[in-house]
PDB file of N, CA and C in Angstrom:
ATOM      1  N   UNK A   1       0.904  -1.022   0.508  1.00  0.00           N
ATOM      2  CA  UNK A   1      -0.221  -0.203  -0.128  1.00  0.00           C
ATOM      3  C   UNK A   1       1.006   1.225  -0.046  1.00  0.00           C
ATOM      4  N   UNK A   2       1.657   1.200   0.809  1.00  0.00           N
ATOM      5  CA  UNK A   2       2.862   2.347   0.797  1.00  0.00           C
ATOM      6  C   UNK A   2       3.475   2.322  -0.524  1.00  0.00           C
ATOM      7  N   UNK A   3       3.894   1.593  -0.867  1.00  0.00           N
ATOM      8  CA  UNK A   3       5.080   1.407  -1.975  1.00  0.00           C
ATOM      9  C   UNK A   3       4.000   2.209  -3.509  1.00  0.00           C
ATOM     10  N   UNK A   4       2.887   1.680  -3.536  1.00  0.00           N
ATOM     11  CA  UNK A   4       1.812   1.769  -4.644  1.00  0.00           C
ATOM     12  C   UNK A   4       1.694   3.453  -4.353  1.00  0.00           C
ATOM     13  N   UNK A   5       1.247   4.184  -2.937  1.00  0.00           N
ATOM     14  CA  UNK A   5       0.885   5.753  -2.786  1.00  0.00           C
ATOM     15  C   UNK A   5       2.256   6.146  -3.102  1.00  0.00           C
ATOM     16  N   UNK A   6       2.968   5.744  -2.792  1.00  0.00           N
ATOM     17  CA  UNK A   6       4.891   6.608  -3.125  1.00  0.00           C
ATOM     18  C   UNK A   6       4.747   6.521  -4.919  1.00  0.00           C
ATOM     19  N   UNK A   7       4.654   5.438  -5.212  1.00  0.00           N
ATOM     20  CA  UNK A   7       4.795   5.197  -6.891  1.00  0.00           C
ATOM     21  C   UNK A   7       3.861   6.043  -7.567  1.00  0.00           C
ATOM     22  N   UNK A   8       2.588   6.388  -6.864  1.00  0.00           N
ATOM     23  CA  UNK A   8       1.388   7.222  -7.693  1.00  0.00           C
ATOM     24  C   UNK A   8       1.941   8.171  -7.255  1.00  0.00           C
ATOM     25  N   UNK A   9       2.808   8.873  -6.347  1.00  0.00           N
ATOM     26  CA  UNK A   9       3.080  10.549  -6.169  1.00  0.00           C
ATOM     27  C   UNK A   9       4.321  10.839  -6.867  1.00  0.00           C
ATOM     28  N   UNK A  10       5.024   9.924  -7.461  1.00  0.00           N
ATOM     29  CA  UNK A  10       6.207  10.218  -8.434  1.00  0.00           C
ATOM     30  C   UNK A  10       5.562  10.522  -9.693  1.00  0.00           C
ATOM     31  N   UNK A  11       4.718   9.098 -10.411  1.00  0.00           N
ATOM     32  CA  UNK A  11       3.837   9.413 -11.360  1.00  0.00           C
ATOM     33  C   UNK A  11       3.520  10.577 -11.444  1.00  0.00           C
ATOM     34  N   UNK A  12       3.036  11.138 -10.314  1.00  0.00           N
ATOM     35  CA  UNK A  12       1.994  12.625 -10.807  1.00  0.00           C
ATOM     36  C   UNK A  12       2.802  13.559 -10.722  1.00  0.00           C
ATOM     37  N   UNK A  13       3.906  14.010 -10.096  1.00  0.00           N
ATOM     38  CA  UNK A  13       4.430  15.071  -9.712  1.00  0.00           C
ATOM     39  C   UNK A  13       5.857  14.874 -11.150  1.00  0.00           C
ATOM     40  N   UNK A  14       6.094  13.782 -11.739  1.00  0.00           N
ATOM     41  CA  UNK A  14       6.260  13.817 -13.564  1.00  0.00           C
ATOM     42  C   UNK A  14       5.526  14.414 -14.296  1.00  0.00           C
ATOM     43  N   UNK A  15       4.229  13.732 -14.317  1.00  0.00           N
ATOM     44  CA  UNK A  15       3.211  13.998 -15.294  1.00  0.00           C
ATOM     45  C   UNK A  15       3.137  15.523 -15.339  1.00  0.00           C
ATOM     46  N   UNK A  16       3.266  16.322 -13.598  1.00  0.00           N
ATOM     47  CA  UNK A  16       2.629  17.520 -13.460  1.00  0.00           C
ATOM     48  C   UNK A  16       3.690  18.276 -14.417  1.00  0.00           C
ATOM     49  N   UNK A  17       5.162  17.859 -14.269  1.00  0.00           N
ATOM     50  CA  UNK A  17       5.948  18.469 -14.567  1.00  0.00           C
ATOM     51  C   UNK A  17       6.190  18.443 -16.469  1.00  0.00           C
ATOM     52  N   UNK A  18       6.005  17.360 -16.542  1.00  0.00           N
ATOM     53  CA  UNK A  18       5.758  17.216 -18.094  1.00  0.00           C
ATOM     54  C   UNK A  18       4.732  18.262 -18.651  1.00  0.00           C
ATOM     55  N   UNK A  19       3.611  18.041 -18.216  1.00  0.00           N
ATOM     56  CA  UNK A  19       2.463  19.467 -18.681  1.00  0.00           C
ATOM     57  C   UNK A  19       2.724  20.985 -18.685  1.00  0.00           C
ATOM     58  N   UNK A  20       3.587  21.001 -17.443  1.00  0.00           N
ATOM     59  CA  UNK A  20       3.808  22.034 -17.100  1.00  0.00           C
ATOM     60  C   UNK A  20       5.005  22.681 -18.097  1.00  0.00           C
ATOM     61  N   UNK A  21       5.640  22.111 -18.866  1.00  0.00           N
ATOM     62  CA  UNK A  21       6.977  22.073 -19.760  1.00  0.00           C
ATOM     63  C   UNK A  21       8.211  22.394 -19.210  1.00  0.00           C
ATOM     64  N   UNK A  22       8.763  21.432 -18.428  1.00  0.00           N
ATOM     65  CA  UNK A  22       9.638  21.776 -17.642  1.00  0.00           C
ATOM     66  C   UNK A  22      10.777  21.592 -18.909  1.00  0.00           C
ATOM     67  N   UNK A  23      11.745  22.031 -18.317  1.00  0.00           N
ATOM     68  CA  UNK A  23      13.210  22.757 -19.188  1.00  0.00           C
ATOM     69  C   UNK A  23      14.164  22.733 -18.743  1.00  0.00           C
ATOM     70  N   UNK A  24      15.482  21.877 -18.675  1.00  0.00           N
ATOM     71  CA  UNK A  24      16.681  21.992 -18.011  1.00  0.00           C
ATOM     72  C   UNK A  24      17.654  22.417 -19.017  1.00  0.00           C
ATOM     73  N   UNK A  25      18.414  23.366 -18.891  1.00  0.00           N
ATOM     74  CA  UNK A  25      19.478  23.725 -19.494  1.00  0.00           C
ATOM     75  C   UNK A  25      20.716  23.530 -18.407  1.00  0.00           C
ATOM     76  N   UNK A  26      22.197  23.019 -19.184  1.00  0.00           N
ATOM     77  CA  UNK A  26      22.822  23.065 -18.138  1.00  0.00           C
ATOM     78  C   UNK A  26      24.114  23.807 -18.532  1.00  0.00           C
ATOM     79  N   UNK A  27      24.244  24.513 -19.406  1.00  0.00           N
ATOM     80  CA  UNK A  27      25.478  26.020 -19.777  1.00  0.00           C
ATOM     81  C   UNK A  27      24.263  27.214 -20.582  1.00  0.00           C
ATOM     82  N   UNK A  28      24.245  27.630 -19.833  1.00  0.00           N
ATOM     83  CA  UNK A  28      24.099  27.845 -18.301  1.00  0.00           C
ATOM     84  C   UNK A  28      22.762  27.170 -17.925  1.00  0.00           C
ATOM     85  N   UNK A  29      23.315  26.508 -16.418  1.00  0.00           N
ATOM     86  CA  UNK A  29      22.399  26.501 -15.532  1.00  0.00           C
ATOM     87  C   UNK A  29      21.037  26.633 -15.649  1.00  0.00           C
ATOM     88  N   UNK A  30      19.860  26.504 -15.972  1.00  0.00           N
ATOM     89  CA  UNK A  30      18.920  27.259 -15.502  1.00  0.00           C
ATOM     90  C   UNK A  30      17.531  26.076 -16.020  1.00  0.00           C
ATOM     91  N   UNK A  31      16.517  26.335 -14.498  1.00  0.00           N
ATOM     92  CA  UNK A  31      15.255  25.279 -14.776  1.00  0.00           C
ATOM     93  C   UNK A  31      14.301  26.247 -14.697  1.00  0.00           C
ATOM     94  N   UNK A  32      13.295  25.946 -15.604  1.00  0.00           N
ATOM     95  CA  UNK A  32      12.144  27.096 -16.012  1.00  0.00           C
ATOM     96  C   UNK A  32      11.074  25.818 -16.266  1.00  0.00           C
ATOM     97  N   UNK A  33       9.657  26.329 -16.228  1.00  0.00           N
ATOM     98  CA  UNK A  33       8.822  26.089 -16.199  1.00  0.00           C
ATOM     99  C   UNK A  33       7.597  27.410 -16.673  1.00  0.00           C
ATOM    100  N   UNK A  34       8.003  27.386 -17.785  1.00  0.00           N
ATOM    101  CA  UNK A  34       6.959  28.398 -18.781  1.00  0.00           C
ATOM    102  C   UNK A  34       5.446  27.989 -19.005  1.00  0.00           C
ATOM    103  N   UNK A  35       4.953  26.877 -18.802  1.00  0.00           N
ATOM    104  CA  UNK A  35       3.334  26.745 -18.280  1.00  0.00           C
ATOM    105  C   UNK A  35       3.060  26.144 -17.047  1.00  0.00           C
ATOM    106  N   UNK A  36       3.373  27.120 -15.793  1.00  0.00           N
ATOM    107  CA  UNK A  36       3.427  27.051 -14.475  1.00  0.00           C
ATOM    108  C   UNK A  36       2.090  26.674 -14.312  1.00  0.00           C
ATOM    109  N   UNK A  37       1.014  27.530 -14.468  1.00  0.00           N
ATOM    110  CA  UNK A  37      -0.271  27.316 -14.473  1.00  0.00           C
ATOM    111  C   UNK A  37      -1.485  26.410 -15.003  1.00  0.00           C
ATOM    112  N   UNK A  38      -0.456  25.358 -15.838  1.00  0.00           N
ATOM    113  CA  UNK A  38      -1.491  24.557 -15.843  1.00  0.00           C
ATOM    114  C   UNK A  38      -1.205  23.825 -14.987  1.00  0.00           C
ATOM    115  N   UNK A  39      -0.174  23.121 -13.938  1.00  0.00           N
ATOM    116  CA  UNK A  39      -0.110  22.340 -13.370  1.00  0.00           C
ATOM    117  C   UNK A  39      -0.722  22.899 -11.695  1.00  0.00           C
ATOM    118  N   UNK A  40      -0.719  23.767 -11.580  1.00  0.00           N
ATOM    119  CA  UNK A  40      -1.377  24.729 -10.371  1.00  0.00           C
ATOM    120  C   UNK A  40      -3.232  24.204 -11.067  1.00  0.00           C
ATOM    121  N   UNK A  41      -3.193  24.148 -11.951  1.00  0.00           N
ATOM    122  CA  UNK A  41      -4.876  24.229 -12.309  1.00  0.00           C
ATOM    123  C   UNK A  41      -5.416  22.857 -11.977  1.00  0.00           C
ATOM    124  N   UNK A  42      -4.690  21.439 -12.660  1.00  0.00           N
ATOM    125  CA  UNK A  42      -4.747  20.039 -12.096  1.00  0.00           C
ATOM    126  C   UNK A  42      -4.574  20.051 -10.364  1.00  0.00           C
ATOM    127  N   UNK A  43      -3.990  20.520  -9.827  1.00  0.00           N
ATOM    128  CA  UNK A  43      -3.494  20.371  -8.326  1.00  0.00           C
ATOM    129  C   UNK A  43      -4.822  21.107  -7.788  1.00  0.00           C
ATOM    130  N   UNK A  44      -5.230  22.083  -7.949  1.00  0.00           N
ATOM    131  CA  UNK A  44      -6.580  22.499  -7.874  1.00  0.00           C
ATOM    132  C   UNK A  44      -7.924  22.349  -8.028  1.00  0.00           C
ATOM    133  N   UNK A  45      -7.894  21.479  -9.247  1.00  0.00           N
ATOM    134  CA  UNK A  45      -8.947  21.165  -9.417  1.00  0.00           C
ATOM    135  C   UNK A  45      -8.974  19.525  -8.899  1.00  0.00           C
ATOM    136  N   UNK A  46      -8.203  18.446  -8.484  1.00  0.00           N
ATOM    137  CA  UNK A  46      -7.813  17.190  -7.370  1.00  0.00           C
ATOM    138  C   UNK A  46      -8.116  18.148  -6.384  1.00  0.00           C
ATOM    139  N   UNK A  47      -7.851  18.924  -5.825  1.00  0.00           N
ATOM    140  CA  UNK A  47      -7.914  18.927  -4.542  1.00  0.00           C
ATOM    141  C   UNK A  47      -9.037  19.513  -4.297  1.00  0.00           C
ATOM    142  N   UNK A  48     -10.323  19.990  -5.374  1.00  0.00           N
ATOM    143  CA  UNK A  48     -11.542  20.371  -5.424  1.00  0.00           C
ATOM    144  C   UNK A  48     -12.286  19.506  -5.569  1.00  0.00           C
ATOM    145  N   UNK A  49     -12.216  18.420  -6.128  1.00  0.00           N
ATOM    146  CA  UNK A  49     -12.805  17.340  -6.052  1.00  0.00           C
ATOM    147  C   UNK A  49     -12.857  16.761  -4.566  1.00  0.00           C
ATOM    148  N   UNK A  50     -11.739  16.400  -4.133  1.00  0.00           N
ATOM    149  CA  UNK A  50     -10.980  15.582  -2.903  1.00  0.00           C
ATOM    150  C   UNK A  50     -12.268  16.460  -1.943  1.00  0.00           C
ATOM    151  N   UNK A  51     -12.327  17.694  -1.814  1.00  0.00           N
ATOM    152  CA  UNK A  51     -13.562  17.891  -0.999  1.00  0.00           C
ATOM    153  C   UNK A  51     -14.452  17.749  -1.051  1.00  0.00           C
ATOM    154  N   UNK A  52     -15.240  18.222  -2.418  1.00  0.00           N
ATOM    155  CA  UNK A  52     -16.443  17.223  -3.072  1.00  0.00           C
ATOM    156  C   UNK A  52     -17.221  15.972  -2.434  1.00  0.00           C
ATOM    157  N   UNK A  53     -16.035  15.941  -2.832  1.00  0.00           N
ATOM    158  CA  UNK A  53     -16.214  13.917  -2.117  1.00  0.00           C
ATOM    159  C   UNK A  53     -16.545  13.650  -0.862  1.00  0.00           C
ATOM    160  N   UNK A  54     -15.195  14.056   0.100  1.00  0.00           N
ATOM    161  CA  UNK A  54     -15.429  13.976   1.529  1.00  0.00           C
ATOM    162  C   UNK A  54     -17.123  14.991   1.884  1.00  0.00           C
ATOM    163  N   UNK A  55     -17.043  16.120   1.269  1.00  0.00           N
ATOM    164  CA  UNK A  55     -18.759  16.681   1.640  1.00  0.00           C
ATOM    165  C   UNK A  55     -19.625  15.605   1.401  1.00  0.00           C
ATOM    166  N   UNK A  56     -19.485  14.997   0.587  1.00  0.00           N
ATOM    167  CA  UNK A  56     -20.684  14.524  -0.444  1.00  0.00           C
ATOM    168  C   UNK A  56     -21.189  12.417   0.541  1.00  0.00           C
ATOM    169  N   UNK A  57     -19.440  12.392   0.962  1.00  0.00           N
ATOM    170  CA  UNK A  57     -19.762  11.118   1.867  1.00  0.00           C
ATOM    171  C   UNK A  57     -20.079  11.743   3.243  1.00  0.00           C
ATOM    172  N   UNK A  58     -20.099  12.851   3.974  1.00  0.00           N
ATOM    173  CA  UNK A  58     -20.731  13.178   5.363  1.00  0.00           C
ATOM    174  C   UNK A  58     -21.770  13.532   5.406  1.00  0.00           C
ATOM    175  N   UNK A  59     -22.400  14.255   3.909  1.00  0.00           N
ATOM    176  CA  UNK A  59     -23.932  14.305   3.592  1.00  0.00           C
ATOM    177  C   UNK A  59     -24.530  13.011   3.694  1.00  0.00           C
ATOM    178  N   UNK A  60     -23.601  11.836   3.255  1.00  0.00           N
ATOM    179  CA  UNK A  60     -24.499  10.511   3.011  1.00  0.00           C
ATOM    180  C   UNK A  60     -24.627  10.205   4.418  1.00  0.00           C
ATOM    181  N   UNK A  61     -23.819   9.862   5.218  1.00  0.00           N
ATOM    182  CA  UNK A  61     -23.949   9.477   6.755  1.00  0.00           C
ATOM    183  C   UNK A  61     -24.927  10.469   7.685  1.00  0.00           C
ATOM    184  N   UNK A  62     -25.120  11.873   7.148  1.00  0.00           N
ATOM    185  CA  UNK A  62     -26.028  12.391   8.286  1.00  0.00           C
ATOM    186  C   UNK A  62     -27.642  11.868   7.706  1.00  0.00           C
ATOM    187  N   UNK A  63     -27.833  11.836   6.414  1.00  0.00           N
ATOM    188  CA  UNK A  63     -29.038  11.207   6.060  1.00  0.00           C
ATOM    189  C   UNK A  63     -29.419   9.968   6.532  1.00  0.00           C
ATOM    190  N   UNK A  64     -28.308   9.054   6.251  1.00  0.00           N
ATOM    191  CA  UNK A  64     -28.295   7.791   6.787  1.00  0.00           C
ATOM    192  C   UNK A  64     -28.947   8.044   8.478  1.00  0.00           C
ATOM    193  N   UNK A  65     -27.870   8.907   8.980  1.00  0.00           N
ATOM    194  CA  UNK A  65     -28.430   8.885  10.599  1.00  0.00           C
ATOM    195  C   UNK A  65     -29.595   9.300  10.906  1.00  0.00           C
ATOM    196  N   UNK A  66     -30.283  10.292  10.362  1.00  0.00           N
ATOM    197  CA  UNK A  66     -31.604  10.566   9.924  1.00  0.00           C
ATOM    198  C   UNK A  66     -32.555   9.738  10.143  1.00  0.00           C
ATOM    199  N   UNK A  67     -32.434   9.012   9.113  1.00  0.00           N
ATOM    200  CA  UNK A  67     -33.295   8.233   8.658  1.00  0.00           C
ATOM    201  C   UNK A  67     -33.244   6.595   9.558  1.00  0.00           C
ATOM    202  N   UNK A  68     -32.081   6.542  10.006  1.00  0.00           N
ATOM    203  CA  UNK A  68     -32.235   5.754  11.499  1.00  0.00           C
ATOM    204  C   UNK A  68     -33.053   5.956  12.549  1.00  0.00           C
ATOM    205  N   UNK A  69     -32.840   6.962  12.934  1.00  0.00           N
ATOM    206  CA  UNK A  69     -33.223   7.761  14.043  1.00  0.00           C
ATOM    207  C   UNK A  69     -34.926   7.405  13.936  1.00  0.00           C
ATOM    208  N   UNK A  70     -35.178   7.766  12.666  1.00  0.00           N
ATOM    209  CA  UNK A  70     -37.134   7.996  12.434  1.00  0.00           C
ATOM    210  C   UNK A  70     -37.344   6.660  12.427  1.00  0.00           C
ATOM    211  N   UNK A  71     -36.439   5.684  11.939  1.00  0.00           N
ATOM    212  CA  UNK A  71     -37.153   4.210  11.739  1.00  0.00           C
ATOM    213  C   UNK A  71     -37.446   3.408  13.508  1.00  0.00           C
ATOM    214  N   UNK A  72     -35.940   3.762  13.693  1.00  0.00           N
ATOM    215  CA  UNK A  72     -35.933   3.134  15.409  1.00  0.00           C
ATOM    216  C   UNK A  72     -37.226   4.188  16.021  1.00  0.00           C
ATOM    217  N   UNK A  73     -37.470   5.552  16.514  1.00  0.00           N
ATOM    218  CA  UNK A  73     -38.947   5.854  16.713  1.00  0.00           C
ATOM    219  C   UNK A  73     -39.921   5.451  16.408  1.00  0.00           C
ATOM    220  N   UNK A  74     -39.942   5.331  15.099  1.00  0.00           N
ATOM    221  CA  UNK A  74     -41.392   4.592  14.642  1.00  0.00           C
ATOM    222  C   UNK A  74     -41.737   2.796  14.948  1.00  0.00           C
ATOM    223  N   UNK A  75     -40.412   2.214  14.784  1.00  0.00           N
ATOM    224  CA  UNK A  75     -40.846   1.141  15.409  1.00  0.00           C
ATOM    225  C   UNK A  75     -41.091   1.354  17.358  1.00  0.00           C
ATOM    226  N   UNK A  76     -40.732   2.106  17.790  1.00  0.00           N
ATOM    227  CA  UNK A  76     -40.926   2.293  19.482  1.00  0.00           C
ATOM    228  C   UNK A  76     -42.174   2.841  19.512  1.00  0.00           C
ATOM    229  N   UNK A  77     -42.546   3.302  18.513  1.00  0.00           N
ATOM    230  CA  UNK A  77     -44.131   4.209  18.766  1.00  0.00           C
ATOM    231  C   UNK A  77     -45.121   2.900  18.547  1.00  0.00           C
ATOM    232  N   UNK A  78     -44.634   2.448  17.453  1.00  0.00           N
ATOM    233  CA  UNK A  78     -45.651   1.565  16.855  1.00  0.00           C
ATOM    234  C   UNK A  78     -45.876   0.333  17.723  1.00  0.00           C
ATOM    235  N   UNK A  79     -44.439   0.032  18.334  1.00  0.00           N
ATOM    236  CA  UNK A  79     -44.668  -1.183  19.440  1.00  0.00           C
ATOM    237  C   UNK A  79     -45.862  -0.867  20.957  1.00  0.00           C
ATOM    238  N   UNK A  80     -45.580   0.350  21.508  1.00  0.00           N
ATOM    239  CA  UNK A  80     -45.736   1.024  22.227  1.00  0.00           C
ATOM    240  C   UNK A  80     -47.809   1.138  22.135  1.00  0.00           C
ATOM    241  N   UNK A  81     -47.940   1.716  20.999  1.00  0.00           N
ATOM    242  CA  UNK A  81     -49.151   1.889  20.757  1.00  0.00           C
ATOM    243  C   UNK A  81     -50.074   0.303  20.609  1.00  0.00           C
ATOM    244  N   UNK A  82     -49.322  -0.488  20.327  1.00  0.00           N
ATOM    245  CA  UNK A  82     -49.531  -1.923  20.138  1.00  0.00           C
ATOM    246  C   UNK A  82     -49.896  -2.681  21.462  1.00  0.00           C
ATOM    247  N   UNK A  83     -49.275  -2.062  22.564  1.00  0.00           N
ATOM    248  CA  UNK A  83     -49.653  -2.398  24.238  1.00  0.00           C
ATOM    249  C   UNK A  83     -48.480  -3.427  24.547  1.00  0.00           C
ATOM    250  N   UNK A  84     -47.542  -3.505  23.126  1.00  0.00           N
ATOM    251  CA  UNK A  84     -46.728  -4.763  23.505  1.00  0.00           C
ATOM    252  C   UNK A  84     -45.789  -4.571  24.980  1.00  0.00           C
ATOM    253  N   UNK A  85     -45.382  -2.811  25.472  1.00  0.00           N
ATOM    254  CA  UNK A  85     -44.873  -2.754  26.500  1.00  0.00           C
ATOM    255  C   UNK A  85     -46.105  -2.514  27.650  1.00  0.00           C
ATOM    256  N   UNK A  86     -46.912  -3.195  28.140  1.00  0.00           N
ATOM    257  CA  UNK A  86     -47.472  -2.962  29.017  1.00  0.00           C
ATOM    258  C   UNK A  86     -47.067  -3.518  30.078  1.00  0.00           C
ATOM    259  N   UNK A  87     -45.997  -4.065  30.579  1.00  0.00           N
ATOM    260  CA  UNK A  87     -45.219  -3.951  31.755  1.00  0.00           C
ATOM    261  C   UNK A  87     -43.723  -3.058  31.556  1.00  0.00           C
ATOM    262  N   UNK A  88     -43.290  -3.050  33.272  1.00  0.00           N
ATOM    263  CA  UNK A  88     -42.079  -1.989  33.030  1.00  0.00           C
ATOM    264  C   UNK A  88     -41.122  -2.882  32.459  1.00  0.00           C
ATOM    265  N   UNK A  89     -40.572  -4.403  32.683  1.00  0.00           N
ATOM    266  CA  UNK A  89     -39.363  -4.734  32.384  1.00  0.00           C
ATOM    267  C   UNK A  89     -39.332  -4.730  30.701  1.00  0.00           C
ATOM    268  N   UNK A  90     -40.590  -4.453  29.768  1.00  0.00           N
ATOM    269  CA  UNK A  90     -40.172  -4.564  28.374  1.00  0.00           C
ATOM    270  C   UNK A  90     -39.308  -3.174  28.102  1.00  0.00           C
ATOM    271  N   UNK A  91     -40.065  -1.995  28.424  1.00  0.00           N
ATOM    272  CA  UNK A  91     -39.215  -0.811  28.326  1.00  0.00           C
ATOM    273  C   UNK A  91     -37.932  -0.695  28.733  1.00  0.00           C
ATOM    274  N   UNK A  92     -37.307  -1.104  29.872  1.00  0.00           N
ATOM    275  CA  UNK A  92     -35.880  -1.484  30.221  1.00  0.00           C
ATOM    276  C   UNK A  92     -35.206  -2.617  29.487  1.00  0.00           C
ATOM    277  N   UNK A  93     -35.909  -3.803  29.031  1.00  0.00           N
ATOM    278  CA  UNK A  93     -35.092  -4.707  27.943  1.00  0.00           C
ATOM    279  C   UNK A  93     -34.787  -3.873  26.699  1.00  0.00           C
ATOM    280  N   UNK A  94     -35.921  -3.361  26.417  1.00  0.00           N
ATOM    281  CA  UNK A  94     -35.722  -2.591  25.226  1.00  0.00           C
ATOM    282  C   UNK A  94     -34.453  -1.410  25.105  1.00  0.00           C
ATOM    283  N   UNK A  95     -34.432  -0.663  26.078  1.00  0.00           N
ATOM    284  CA  UNK A  95     -33.383   0.374  26.396  1.00  0.00           C
ATOM    285  C   UNK A  95     -32.241  -0.246  26.311  1.00  0.00           C
ATOM    286  N   UNK A  96     -32.002  -1.266  26.891  1.00  0.00           N
ATOM    287  CA  UNK A  96     -30.719  -1.801  27.300  1.00  0.00           C
ATOM    288  C   UNK A  96     -30.507  -2.336  25.927  1.00  0.00           C
ATOM    289  N   UNK A  97     -31.147  -2.731  25.475  1.00  0.00           N
ATOM    290  CA  UNK A  97     -31.143  -3.707  23.872  1.00  0.00           C
ATOM    291  C   UNK A  97     -30.767  -2.501  22.753  1.00  0.00           C
ATOM    292  N   UNK A  98     -31.502  -1.527  22.940  1.00  0.00           N
ATOM    293  CA  UNK A  98     -30.523  -0.154  22.178  1.00  0.00           C
ATOM    294  C   UNK A  98     -29.989   0.574  22.554  1.00  0.00           C
ATOM    295  N   UNK A  99     -28.942   0.427  23.432  1.00  0.00           N
ATOM    296  CA  UNK A  99     -28.447   1.622  24.519  1.00  0.00           C
ATOM    297  C   UNK A  99     -26.979   2.021  23.866  1.00  0.00           C
ATOM    298  N   UNK A 100     -26.636   0.823  23.385  1.00  0.00           N
ATOM    299  CA  UNK A 100     -25.281   0.963  22.277  1.00  0.00           C
ATOM    300  C   UNK A 100     -25.805   1.748  21.222  1.00  0.00           C
ATOM    301  N   UNK A 101     -26.330   1.964  20.743  1.00  0.00           N
ATOM    302  CA  UNK A 101     -27.070   2.390  19.123  1.00  0.00           C
ATOM    303  C   UNK A 101     -27.480   3.960  19.451  1.00  0.00           C
ATOM    304  N   UNK A 102     -28.227   3.542  20.428  1.00  0.00           N
ATOM    305  CA  UNK A 102     -28.541   5.046  20.575  1.00  0.00           C
ATOM    306  C   UNK A 102     -27.562   6.238  21.216  1.00  0.00           C
ATOM    307  N   UNK A 103     -26.537   5.483  22.015  1.00  0.00           N
ATOM    308  CA  UNK A 103     -24.913   6.161  22.034  1.00  0.00           C
ATOM    309  C   UNK A 103     -23.912   6.380  21.048  1.00  0.00           C
ATOM    310  N   UNK A 104     -24.363   5.758  19.954  1.00  0.00           N
ATOM    311  CA  UNK A 104     -23.250   5.429  18.959  1.00  0.00           C
ATOM    312  C   UNK A 104     -23.990   7.035  18.113  1.00  0.00           C
ATOM    313  N   UNK A 105     -25.493   7.357  17.996  1.00  0.00           N
ATOM    314  CA  UNK A 105     -25.779   7.545  17.362  1.00  0.00           C
ATOM    315  C   UNK A 105     -26.153   9.175  17.968  1.00  0.00           C
ATOM    316  N   UNK A 106     -25.985   9.401  19.371  1.00  0.00           N
ATOM    317  CA  UNK A 106     -25.582  10.602  19.933  1.00  0.00           C
ATOM    318  C   UNK A 106     -24.485  11.137  19.375  1.00  0.00           C
ATOM    319  N   UNK A 107     -23.552  10.620  19.349  1.00  0.00           N
ATOM    320  CA  UNK A 107     -22.441  10.946  19.002  1.00  0.00           C
ATOM    321  C   UNK A 107     -22.389  11.495  17.751  1.00  0.00           C
ATOM    322  N   UNK A 108     -22.780  10.416  16.274  1.00  0.00           N
ATOM    323  CA  UNK A 108     -22.435  10.749  15.372  1.00  0.00           C
ATOM    324  C   UNK A 108     -23.337  12.130  15.448  1.00  0.00           C
ATOM    325  N   UNK A 109     -24.426  12.821  16.023  1.00  0.00           N
ATOM    326  CA  UNK A 109     -25.010  13.775  16.084  1.00  0.00           C
ATOM    327  C   UNK A 109     -24.298  14.874  16.470  1.00  0.00           C
ATOM    328  N   UNK A 110     -23.738  14.519  17.078  1.00  0.00           N
ATOM    329  CA  UNK A 110     -22.927  15.706  17.930  1.00  0.00           C
ATOM    330  C   UNK A 110     -21.629  16.252  16.887  1.00  0.00           C
ATOM    331  N   UNK A 111     -21.175  14.831  16.282  1.00  0.00           N
ATOM    332  CA  UNK A 111     -19.960  15.300  15.037  1.00  0.00           C
ATOM    333  C   UNK A 111     -20.403  15.807  13.903  1.00  0.00           C
ATOM    334  N   UNK A 112     -21.355  15.403  13.421  1.00  0.00           N
ATOM    335  CA  UNK A 112     -22.170  16.184  12.213  1.00  0.00           C
ATOM    336  C   UNK A 112     -22.710  17.347  12.406  1.00  0.00           C
ATOM    337  N   UNK A 113     -23.238  17.371  13.270  1.00  0.00           N
ATOM    338  CA  UNK A 113     -24.016  19.042  13.277  1.00  0.00           C
ATOM    339  C   UNK A 113     -22.953  20.512  14.202  1.00  0.00           C
ATOM    340  N   UNK A 114     -22.046  19.798  14.233  1.00  0.00           N
ATOM    341  CA  UNK A 114     -21.178  20.860  15.006  1.00  0.00           C
ATOM    342  C   UNK A 114     -20.695  21.932  13.497  1.00  0.00           C
ATOM    343  N   UNK A 115     -20.583  23.217  14.280  1.00  0.00           N
ATOM    344  CA  UNK A 115     -20.396  24.438  12.974  1.00  0.00           C
ATOM    345  C   UNK A 115     -18.636  23.960  12.280  1.00  0.00           C
TER     346      UNK A 115
END
């Protein structure tokens, strides 16, 4: 995995230098990159796509989180209205069953609703 990343980075740098028309002269020694704006544009485009991808990924988690809360509440209301939880032991068992889920959902809500 690390070797693949290093190889990809080297290929990416060489490609950017090629796109920017890198020229090296030895007499007199000089390095010039006349088309510097092309590699900068490619780098900015790649960064923009990465930011967009991360945002869509987080948005998907937030929507799934909200849907999960709605489904759990719907399930609890449906079972409570049907009289399934007439004794006091049933809600306690149900709470113990979903306690880990509610704590995870609470943490996710804090993370995704933070400014």
